Amino acid sequence: MKRLLLALALLIATPVLAVQPDEVLPDPAMEARARDISQGLRCLVCRNENIDESNATLAKDLRLLVRERLVAGDTNDEVVDYVVDRYGEFVLLKPTMNGANKVLWIAGPVMLILALGIGISFIRRRGQESEVVPELTDEEKTRLESLIQE
């Protein structure tokens, strides 16, 4: 019975969102827009958590800011642009691919291809370099035989 209750509790348990009841907008459509925007914004304190899931004070301030901008009549893109202008592009969980970010997006694959090329050329060169052991001279052979017999 205990195992059944534990399994049921684990199945029913859902992630608790940090959005407080006093933050929720009365209009369900606008609240849905706010949640959608919040899913794409990073909590600057928690780093890899969106502001909807974070309990940090700054995340709460950002959630309230998003809702204020929506109530003021901004579109979703205008709200995101406002937050990015205020906090920088780091606040986006999925950064855009423009400007200086292009270098960062392209650098990873370029470095991987470069590393693969260096690795392949190293392996090929190592395979071509065969260790040639020089033949022993007659003098060395007789010396070796005398050492072996001792």
N, C-alpha and C. Protein backbone atom coordinates (compact mmCIF):
# COMPACT_ATOMS: atom_id res chain seq x y z
N MET A 1 0.83 -1.19 0.00
CA MET A 1 0.00 0.00 0.00
C MET A 1 0.87 1.26 0.00
N LYS A 2 1.97 1.22 0.79
CA LYS A 2 2.86 2.37 0.85
C LYS A 2 3.50 2.64 -0.52
N ARG A 3 3.88 1.57 -1.20
CA ARG A 3 4.49 1.73 -2.51
C ARG A 3 3.50 2.32 -3.50
N LEU A 4 2.27 1.89 -3.44
CA LEU A 4 1.24 2.42 -4.32
C LEU A 4 1.03 3.91 -4.06
N LEU A 5 0.99 4.30 -2.80
CA LEU A 5 0.82 5.71 -2.47
C LEU A 5 2.03 6.54 -2.93
N LEU A 6 3.22 5.99 -2.76
CA LEU A 6 4.42 6.69 -3.20
C LEU A 6 4.42 6.85 -4.72
N ALA A 7 4.10 5.79 -5.44
CA ALA A 7 4.04 5.86 -6.89
C ALA A 7 2.98 6.85 -7.35
N LEU A 8 1.84 6.84 -6.69
CA LEU A 8 0.77 7.77 -7.03
C LEU A 8 1.20 9.22 -6.77
N ALA A 9 1.88 9.43 -5.66
CA ALA A 9 2.35 10.78 -5.33
C ALA A 9 3.37 11.27 -6.36
N LEU A 10 4.24 10.37 -6.82
CA LEU A 10 5.23 10.76 -7.82
C LEU A 10 4.59 11.02 -9.18
N LEU A 11 3.57 10.27 -9.51
CA LEU A 11 2.89 10.48 -10.78
C LEU A 11 2.07 11.76 -10.78
N ILE A 12 1.47 12.06 -9.65
CA ILE A 12 0.60 13.23 -9.57
C ILE A 12 1.42 14.51 -9.40
N ALA A 13 2.59 14.39 -8.78
CA ALA A 13 3.39 15.58 -8.50
C ALA A 13 3.75 16.30 -9.79
N THR A 14 3.46 17.56 -9.84
CA THR A 14 3.80 18.39 -10.99
C THR A 14 4.71 19.50 -10.51
N PRO A 15 5.51 20.03 -11.40
CA PRO A 15 6.40 21.10 -10.97
C PRO A 15 5.59 22.30 -10.49
N VAL A 16 6.01 22.84 -9.38
CA VAL A 16 5.33 23.99 -8.81
C VAL A 16 5.94 25.24 -9.43
N LEU A 17 5.10 26.06 -10.01
CA LEU A 17 5.59 27.28 -10.60
C LEU A 17 5.69 28.36 -9.54
N ALA A 18 6.59 29.27 -9.74
CA ALA A 18 6.84 30.29 -8.74
C ALA A 18 5.87 31.46 -8.84
N VAL A 19 5.02 31.46 -9.85
CA VAL A 19 4.08 32.57 -10.01
C VAL A 19 3.11 32.57 -8.84
N GLN A 20 3.07 33.71 -8.17
CA GLN A 20 2.21 33.86 -6.99
C GLN A 20 0.80 34.26 -7.42
N PRO A 21 -0.19 33.92 -6.62
CA PRO A 21 -1.57 34.27 -6.99
C PRO A 21 -1.79 35.77 -7.18
N ASP A 22 -1.06 36.60 -6.46
CA ASP A 22 -1.24 38.04 -6.60
C ASP A 22 -0.65 38.58 -7.90
N GLU A 23 0.15 37.76 -8.60
CA GLU A 23 0.74 38.18 -9.87
C GLU A 23 -0.16 37.85 -11.06
N VAL A 24 -1.05 36.91 -10.91
CA VAL A 24 -1.86 36.41 -12.02
C VAL A 24 -2.82 37.49 -12.51
N LEU A 25 -2.86 37.67 -13.83
CA LEU A 25 -3.75 38.65 -14.43
C LEU A 25 -5.18 38.10 -14.47
N PRO A 26 -6.17 38.97 -14.33
CA PRO A 26 -7.57 38.50 -14.35
C PRO A 26 -8.01 37.98 -15.72
N ASP A 27 -7.42 38.48 -16.78
CA ASP A 27 -7.77 38.05 -18.14
C ASP A 27 -6.97 36.79 -18.47
N PRO A 28 -7.64 35.63 -18.66
CA PRO A 28 -6.91 34.37 -18.93
C PRO A 28 -6.06 34.42 -20.20
N ALA A 29 -6.53 35.12 -21.23
CA ALA A 29 -5.77 35.20 -22.47
C ALA A 29 -4.48 35.99 -22.26
N MET A 30 -4.57 37.08 -21.52
CA MET A 30 -3.39 37.89 -21.25
C MET A 30 -2.43 37.15 -20.32
N GLU A 31 -2.98 36.40 -19.37
CA GLU A 31 -2.14 35.61 -18.47
C GLU A 31 -1.40 34.53 -19.25
N ALA A 32 -2.08 33.93 -20.23
CA ALA A 32 -1.44 32.92 -21.07
C ALA A 32 -0.30 33.55 -21.87
N ARG A 33 -0.50 34.77 -22.37
CA ARG A 33 0.57 35.48 -23.09
C ARG A 33 1.75 35.75 -22.15
N ALA A 34 1.44 36.17 -20.93
CA ALA A 34 2.50 36.46 -19.95
C ALA A 34 3.30 35.20 -19.64
N ARG A 35 2.62 34.07 -19.48
CA ARG A 35 3.32 32.80 -19.21
C ARG A 35 4.18 32.40 -20.40
N ASP A 36 3.65 32.61 -21.60
CA ASP A 36 4.40 32.26 -22.80
C ASP A 36 5.69 33.09 -22.89
N ILE A 37 5.59 34.38 -22.60
CA ILE A 37 6.77 35.24 -22.63
C ILE A 37 7.73 34.84 -21.52
N SER A 38 7.20 34.56 -20.35
CA SER A 38 8.04 34.21 -19.18
C SER A 38 8.83 32.93 -19.42
N GLN A 39 8.29 32.01 -20.21
CA GLN A 39 9.00 30.76 -20.49
C GLN A 39 10.29 31.00 -21.27
N GLY A 40 10.37 32.10 -22.00
CA GLY A 40 11.55 32.38 -22.81
C GLY A 40 12.54 33.31 -22.16
N LEU A 41 12.23 33.80 -20.94
CA LEU A 41 13.12 34.74 -20.26
C LEU A 41 13.86 34.04 -19.13
N ARG A 42 15.17 34.26 -19.06
CA ARG A 42 16.04 33.62 -18.07
C ARG A 42 16.03 34.41 -16.77
N CYS A 43 16.01 33.68 -15.67
CA CYS A 43 16.18 34.31 -14.36
C CYS A 43 17.66 34.67 -14.25
N LEU A 44 17.94 35.92 -13.99
CA LEU A 44 19.33 36.37 -13.94
C LEU A 44 20.05 35.91 -12.69
N VAL A 45 19.30 35.43 -11.71
CA VAL A 45 19.90 34.92 -10.48
C VAL A 45 20.15 33.41 -10.61
N CYS A 46 19.16 32.69 -11.11
CA CYS A 46 19.22 31.23 -11.18
C CYS A 46 19.91 30.72 -12.44
N ARG A 47 20.14 31.54 -13.38
CA ARG A 47 20.82 31.29 -14.65
C ARG A 47 20.02 30.44 -15.63
N ASN A 48 19.89 29.14 -15.45
CA ASN A 48 19.24 28.31 -16.46
C ASN A 48 17.81 27.95 -16.10
N GLU A 49 17.16 28.84 -15.42
CA GLU A 49 15.76 28.63 -15.05
C GLU A 49 14.98 29.82 -15.61
N ASN A 50 13.80 29.54 -16.15
CA ASN A 50 13.03 30.68 -16.65
C ASN A 50 12.38 31.41 -15.48
N ILE A 51 11.92 32.62 -15.74
CA ILE A 51 11.41 33.45 -14.64
C ILE A 51 10.10 32.91 -14.09
N ASP A 52 9.42 32.09 -14.85
CA ASP A 52 8.16 31.51 -14.38
C ASP A 52 8.40 30.47 -13.29
N GLU A 53 9.54 29.81 -13.31
CA GLU A 53 9.85 28.74 -12.37
C GLU A 53 10.71 29.18 -11.20
N SER A 54 11.26 30.39 -11.28
CA SER A 54 12.20 30.84 -10.27
C SER A 54 11.49 31.56 -9.11
N ASN A 55 12.00 31.34 -7.91
CA ASN A 55 11.48 32.03 -6.73
C ASN A 55 12.30 33.25 -6.36
N ALA A 56 13.29 33.59 -7.17
CA ALA A 56 14.15 34.74 -6.87
C ALA A 56 13.34 36.04 -6.96
N THR A 57 13.75 37.01 -6.16
CA THR A 57 13.06 38.30 -6.14
C THR A 57 13.14 38.99 -7.49
N LEU A 58 14.30 38.89 -8.14
CA LEU A 58 14.45 39.50 -9.46
C LEU A 58 13.52 38.85 -10.48
N ALA A 59 13.34 37.55 -10.39
CA ALA A 59 12.43 36.85 -11.30
C ALA A 59 11.00 37.34 -11.08
N LYS A 60 10.62 37.54 -9.83
CA LYS A 60 9.28 38.06 -9.55
C LYS A 60 9.13 39.45 -10.14
N ASP A 61 10.16 40.29 -9.99
CA ASP A 61 10.11 41.63 -10.58
C ASP A 61 9.96 41.56 -12.09
N LEU A 62 10.67 40.63 -12.73
CA LEU A 62 10.56 40.47 -14.18
C LEU A 62 9.17 39.98 -14.58
N ARG A 63 8.60 39.06 -13.81
CA ARG A 63 7.23 38.59 -14.11
C ARG A 63 6.24 39.75 -14.01
N LEU A 64 6.40 40.56 -12.98
CA LEU A 64 5.51 41.72 -12.83
C LEU A 64 5.72 42.73 -13.96
N LEU A 65 6.98 42.92 -14.37
CA LEU A 65 7.28 43.83 -15.47
C LEU A 65 6.62 43.36 -16.76
N VAL A 66 6.71 42.06 -17.03
CA VAL A 66 6.08 41.49 -18.23
C VAL A 66 4.58 41.74 -18.20
N ARG A 67 3.95 41.51 -17.07
CA ARG A 67 2.51 41.71 -16.96
C ARG A 67 2.13 43.19 -17.07
N GLU A 68 2.95 44.07 -16.51
CA GLU A 68 2.70 45.51 -16.63
C GLU A 68 2.74 45.95 -18.08
N ARG A 69 3.74 45.47 -18.80
CA ARG A 69 3.87 45.85 -20.22
C ARG A 69 2.70 45.31 -21.04
N LEU A 70 2.22 44.10 -20.71
CA LEU A 70 1.07 43.54 -21.43
C LEU A 70 -0.18 44.36 -21.14
N VAL A 71 -0.37 44.73 -19.89
CA VAL A 71 -1.54 45.54 -19.52
C VAL A 71 -1.47 46.91 -20.19
N ALA A 72 -0.23 47.42 -20.39
CA ALA A 72 -0.06 48.71 -21.06
C ALA A 72 -0.37 48.63 -22.55
N GLY A 73 -0.53 47.41 -23.08
CA GLY A 73 -0.91 47.26 -24.48
C GLY A 73 0.21 46.83 -25.40
N ASP A 74 1.36 46.48 -24.86
CA ASP A 74 2.48 46.03 -25.71
C ASP A 74 2.19 44.66 -26.29
N THR A 75 2.76 44.40 -27.47
CA THR A 75 2.69 43.06 -28.05
C THR A 75 3.74 42.19 -27.37
N ASN A 76 3.69 40.89 -27.64
CA ASN A 76 4.67 39.98 -27.04
C ASN A 76 6.10 40.37 -27.43
N ASP A 77 6.31 40.69 -28.71
CA ASP A 77 7.65 41.07 -29.17
C ASP A 77 8.11 42.37 -28.52
N GLU A 78 7.21 43.32 -28.35
CA GLU A 78 7.57 44.58 -27.70
C GLU A 78 7.97 44.36 -26.24
N VAL A 79 7.27 43.46 -25.57
CA VAL A 79 7.62 43.15 -24.17
C VAL A 79 9.00 42.54 -24.09
N VAL A 80 9.27 41.57 -24.96
CA VAL A 80 10.58 40.91 -24.96
C VAL A 80 11.68 41.93 -25.30
N ASP A 81 11.42 42.77 -26.31
CA ASP A 81 12.40 43.79 -26.67
C ASP A 81 12.67 44.74 -25.51
N TYR A 82 11.63 45.12 -24.78
CA TYR A 82 11.78 46.02 -23.64
C TYR A 82 12.67 45.38 -22.57
N VAL A 83 12.41 44.11 -22.28
CA VAL A 83 13.20 43.41 -21.26
C VAL A 83 14.65 43.24 -21.72
N VAL A 84 14.85 42.93 -23.00
CA VAL A 84 16.21 42.77 -23.53
C VAL A 84 16.94 44.11 -23.51
N ASP A 85 16.25 45.19 -23.86
CA ASP A 85 16.88 46.52 -23.80
C ASP A 85 17.30 46.88 -22.38
N ARG A 86 16.51 46.46 -21.44
CA ARG A 86 16.77 46.82 -20.04
C ARG A 86 17.84 45.93 -19.39
N TYR A 87 17.83 44.62 -19.69
CA TYR A 87 18.71 43.67 -19.01
C TYR A 87 19.77 43.03 -19.91
N GLY A 88 19.72 43.26 -21.18
CA GLY A 88 20.69 42.67 -22.10
C GLY A 88 20.18 41.36 -22.67
N GLU A 89 20.86 40.90 -23.70
CA GLU A 89 20.41 39.71 -24.42
C GLU A 89 20.61 38.43 -23.61
N PHE A 90 21.38 38.49 -22.54
CA PHE A 90 21.58 37.32 -21.69
C PHE A 90 20.27 36.85 -21.07
N VAL A 91 19.30 37.74 -20.97
CA VAL A 91 18.02 37.40 -20.34
C VAL A 91 17.21 36.42 -21.21
N LEU A 92 17.57 36.28 -22.47
CA LEU A 92 16.85 35.35 -23.35
C LEU A 92 17.39 33.94 -23.16
N LEU A 93 16.49 32.97 -22.98
CA LEU A 93 16.93 31.58 -22.89
C LEU A 93 17.40 31.06 -24.24
N LYS A 94 16.83 31.58 -25.32
CA LYS A 94 17.26 31.23 -26.68
C LYS A 94 17.73 32.51 -27.36
N PRO A 95 19.04 32.80 -27.30
CA PRO A 95 19.55 34.04 -27.88
C PRO A 95 19.35 34.09 -29.39
N THR A 96 19.28 35.30 -29.91
CA THR A 96 19.09 35.48 -31.34
C THR A 96 20.39 35.21 -32.08
N MET A 97 20.29 35.01 -33.37
CA MET A 97 21.48 34.75 -34.18
C MET A 97 21.76 35.96 -35.06
N ASN A 98 22.11 37.07 -34.43
CA ASN A 98 22.48 38.26 -35.19
C ASN A 98 23.61 38.97 -34.48
N GLY A 99 24.29 39.84 -35.21
CA GLY A 99 25.37 40.62 -34.63
C GLY A 99 26.52 39.76 -34.14
N ALA A 100 26.98 40.06 -32.94
CA ALA A 100 28.13 39.36 -32.37
C ALA A 100 27.81 37.90 -32.05
N ASN A 101 26.53 37.58 -31.89
CA ASN A 101 26.16 36.20 -31.58
C ASN A 101 26.44 35.25 -32.73
N LYS A 102 26.50 35.77 -33.97
CA LYS A 102 26.81 34.90 -35.10
C LYS A 102 28.16 34.23 -34.91
N VAL A 103 29.12 34.99 -34.39
CA VAL A 103 30.45 34.43 -34.15
C VAL A 103 30.37 33.27 -33.17
N LEU A 104 29.59 33.45 -32.11
CA LEU A 104 29.45 32.39 -31.11
C LEU A 104 28.72 31.17 -31.67
N TRP A 105 27.70 31.39 -32.49
CA TRP A 105 26.96 30.28 -33.07
C TRP A 105 27.83 29.50 -34.05
N ILE A 106 28.67 30.20 -34.79
CA ILE A 106 29.47 29.55 -35.83
C ILE A 106 30.76 28.96 -35.25
N ALA A 107 31.28 29.53 -34.17
CA ALA A 107 32.58 29.11 -33.62
C ALA A 107 32.60 27.63 -33.21
N GLY A 108 31.53 27.14 -32.62
CA GLY A 108 31.50 25.74 -32.17
C GLY A 108 31.68 24.76 -33.31
N PRO A 109 30.81 24.82 -34.33
CA PRO A 109 31.00 23.88 -35.45
C PRO A 109 32.33 24.04 -36.17
N VAL A 110 32.80 25.28 -36.32
CA VAL A 110 34.08 25.51 -36.99
C VAL A 110 35.22 24.87 -36.20
N MET A 111 35.19 25.04 -34.90
CA MET A 111 36.25 24.45 -34.07
C MET A 111 36.19 22.92 -34.08
N LEU A 112 34.98 22.36 -34.13
CA LEU A 112 34.84 20.90 -34.21
C LEU A 112 35.44 20.39 -35.52
N ILE A 113 35.12 21.04 -36.63
CA ILE A 113 35.65 20.63 -37.93
C ILE A 113 37.16 20.77 -37.95
N LEU A 114 37.67 21.87 -37.38
CA LEU A 114 39.11 22.08 -37.32
C LEU A 114 39.79 21.00 -36.48
N ALA A 115 39.22 20.67 -35.34
CA ALA A 115 39.79 19.62 -34.48
C ALA A 115 39.77 18.26 -35.18
N LEU A 116 38.67 17.95 -35.87
CA LEU A 116 38.61 16.69 -36.61
C LEU A 116 39.68 16.65 -37.70
N GLY A 117 39.86 17.76 -38.42
CA GLY A 117 40.89 17.81 -39.47
C GLY A 117 42.28 17.61 -38.90
N ILE A 118 42.59 18.26 -37.79
CA ILE A 118 43.90 18.09 -37.16
C ILE A 118 44.09 16.65 -36.68
N GLY A 119 43.05 16.08 -36.09
CA GLY A 119 43.14 14.70 -35.61
C GLY A 119 43.36 13.72 -36.73
N ILE A 120 42.63 13.88 -37.82
CA ILE A 120 42.77 12.97 -38.97
C ILE A 120 44.15 13.10 -39.59
N SER A 121 44.64 14.35 -39.74
CA SER A 121 45.97 14.51 -40.34
C SER A 121 47.06 13.93 -39.42
N PHE A 122 46.89 14.06 -38.12
CA PHE A 122 47.86 13.49 -37.17
C PHE A 122 47.88 11.97 -37.29
N ILE A 123 46.70 11.36 -37.36
CA ILE A 123 46.63 9.89 -37.46
C ILE A 123 47.23 9.42 -38.77
N ARG A 124 46.96 10.13 -39.87
CA ARG A 124 47.51 9.74 -41.17
C ARG A 124 49.04 9.85 -41.18
N ARG A 125 49.56 10.96 -40.63
CA ARG A 125 51.01 11.13 -40.60
C ARG A 125 51.67 10.07 -39.73
N ARG A 126 51.03 9.75 -38.62
CA ARG A 126 51.61 8.74 -37.72
C ARG A 126 51.65 7.37 -38.40
N GLY A 127 50.64 7.08 -39.20
CA GLY A 127 50.61 5.80 -39.91
C GLY A 127 51.63 5.72 -41.02
N GLN A 128 51.96 6.87 -41.62
CA GLN A 128 52.93 6.88 -42.73
C GLN A 128 54.36 6.80 -42.22
N GLU A 129 54.58 7.30 -41.03
CA GLU A 129 55.93 7.28 -40.48
C GLU A 129 56.20 5.89 -39.90
N SER A 130 56.86 5.07 -40.68
CA SER A 130 57.18 3.73 -40.17
C SER A 130 58.56 3.80 -39.55
N GLU A 131 58.66 3.17 -38.42
CA GLU A 131 59.94 3.18 -37.74
C GLU A 131 60.86 2.19 -38.44
N VAL A 132 61.88 2.71 -39.02
CA VAL A 132 62.86 1.89 -39.72
C VAL A 132 64.01 1.63 -38.74
N VAL A 133 64.18 0.36 -38.41
CA VAL A 133 65.27 -0.03 -37.52
C VAL A 133 66.47 -0.35 -38.40
N PRO A 134 67.57 0.34 -38.16
CA PRO A 134 68.73 0.07 -39.01
C PRO A 134 69.29 -1.33 -38.76
N GLU A 135 69.84 -1.88 -39.81
CA GLU A 135 70.46 -3.21 -39.71
C GLU A 135 71.71 -3.12 -38.83
N LEU A 136 71.95 -4.21 -38.10
CA LEU A 136 73.16 -4.27 -37.29
C LEU A 136 74.37 -4.56 -38.17
N THR A 137 75.43 -3.93 -37.83
CA THR A 137 76.68 -4.21 -38.56
C THR A 137 77.22 -5.56 -38.08
N ASP A 138 78.18 -6.09 -38.82
CA ASP A 138 78.78 -7.38 -38.45
C ASP A 138 79.43 -7.30 -37.08
N GLU A 139 80.05 -6.20 -36.81
CA GLU A 139 80.70 -5.99 -35.53
C GLU A 139 79.67 -6.02 -34.39
N GLU A 140 78.53 -5.35 -34.59
CA GLU A 140 77.47 -5.29 -33.59
C GLU A 140 76.84 -6.67 -33.38
N LYS A 141 76.71 -7.42 -34.47
CA LYS A 141 76.13 -8.76 -34.36
C LYS A 141 77.01 -9.67 -33.52
N THR A 142 78.32 -9.63 -33.76
CA THR A 142 79.25 -10.48 -32.97
C THR A 142 79.26 -10.05 -31.52
N ARG A 143 79.23 -8.78 -31.27
CA ARG A 143 79.20 -8.26 -29.89
C ARG A 143 77.92 -8.71 -29.19
N LEU A 144 76.78 -8.66 -29.90
CA LEU A 144 75.49 -9.08 -29.34
C LEU A 144 75.51 -10.57 -29.02
N GLU A 145 76.05 -11.38 -29.92
CA GLU A 145 76.13 -12.81 -29.68
C GLU A 145 77.00 -13.13 -28.48
N SER A 146 78.08 -12.39 -28.31
CA SER A 146 78.96 -12.65 -27.16
C SER A 146 78.27 -12.25 -25.86
N LEU A 147 77.48 -11.19 -25.89
CA LEU A 147 76.74 -10.77 -24.70
C LEU A 147 75.65 -11.79 -24.33
N ILE A 148 75.02 -12.36 -25.34
CA ILE A 148 73.96 -13.33 -25.10
C ILE A 148 74.54 -14.60 -24.48
N GLN A 149 75.71 -15.02 -24.94
CA GLN A 149 76.31 -16.26 -24.44
C GLN A 149 76.90 -16.12 -23.05
N GLU A 150 77.16 -14.98 -22.59
CA GLU A 150 77.75 -14.77 -21.26
C GLU A 150 76.79 -15.04 -20.18
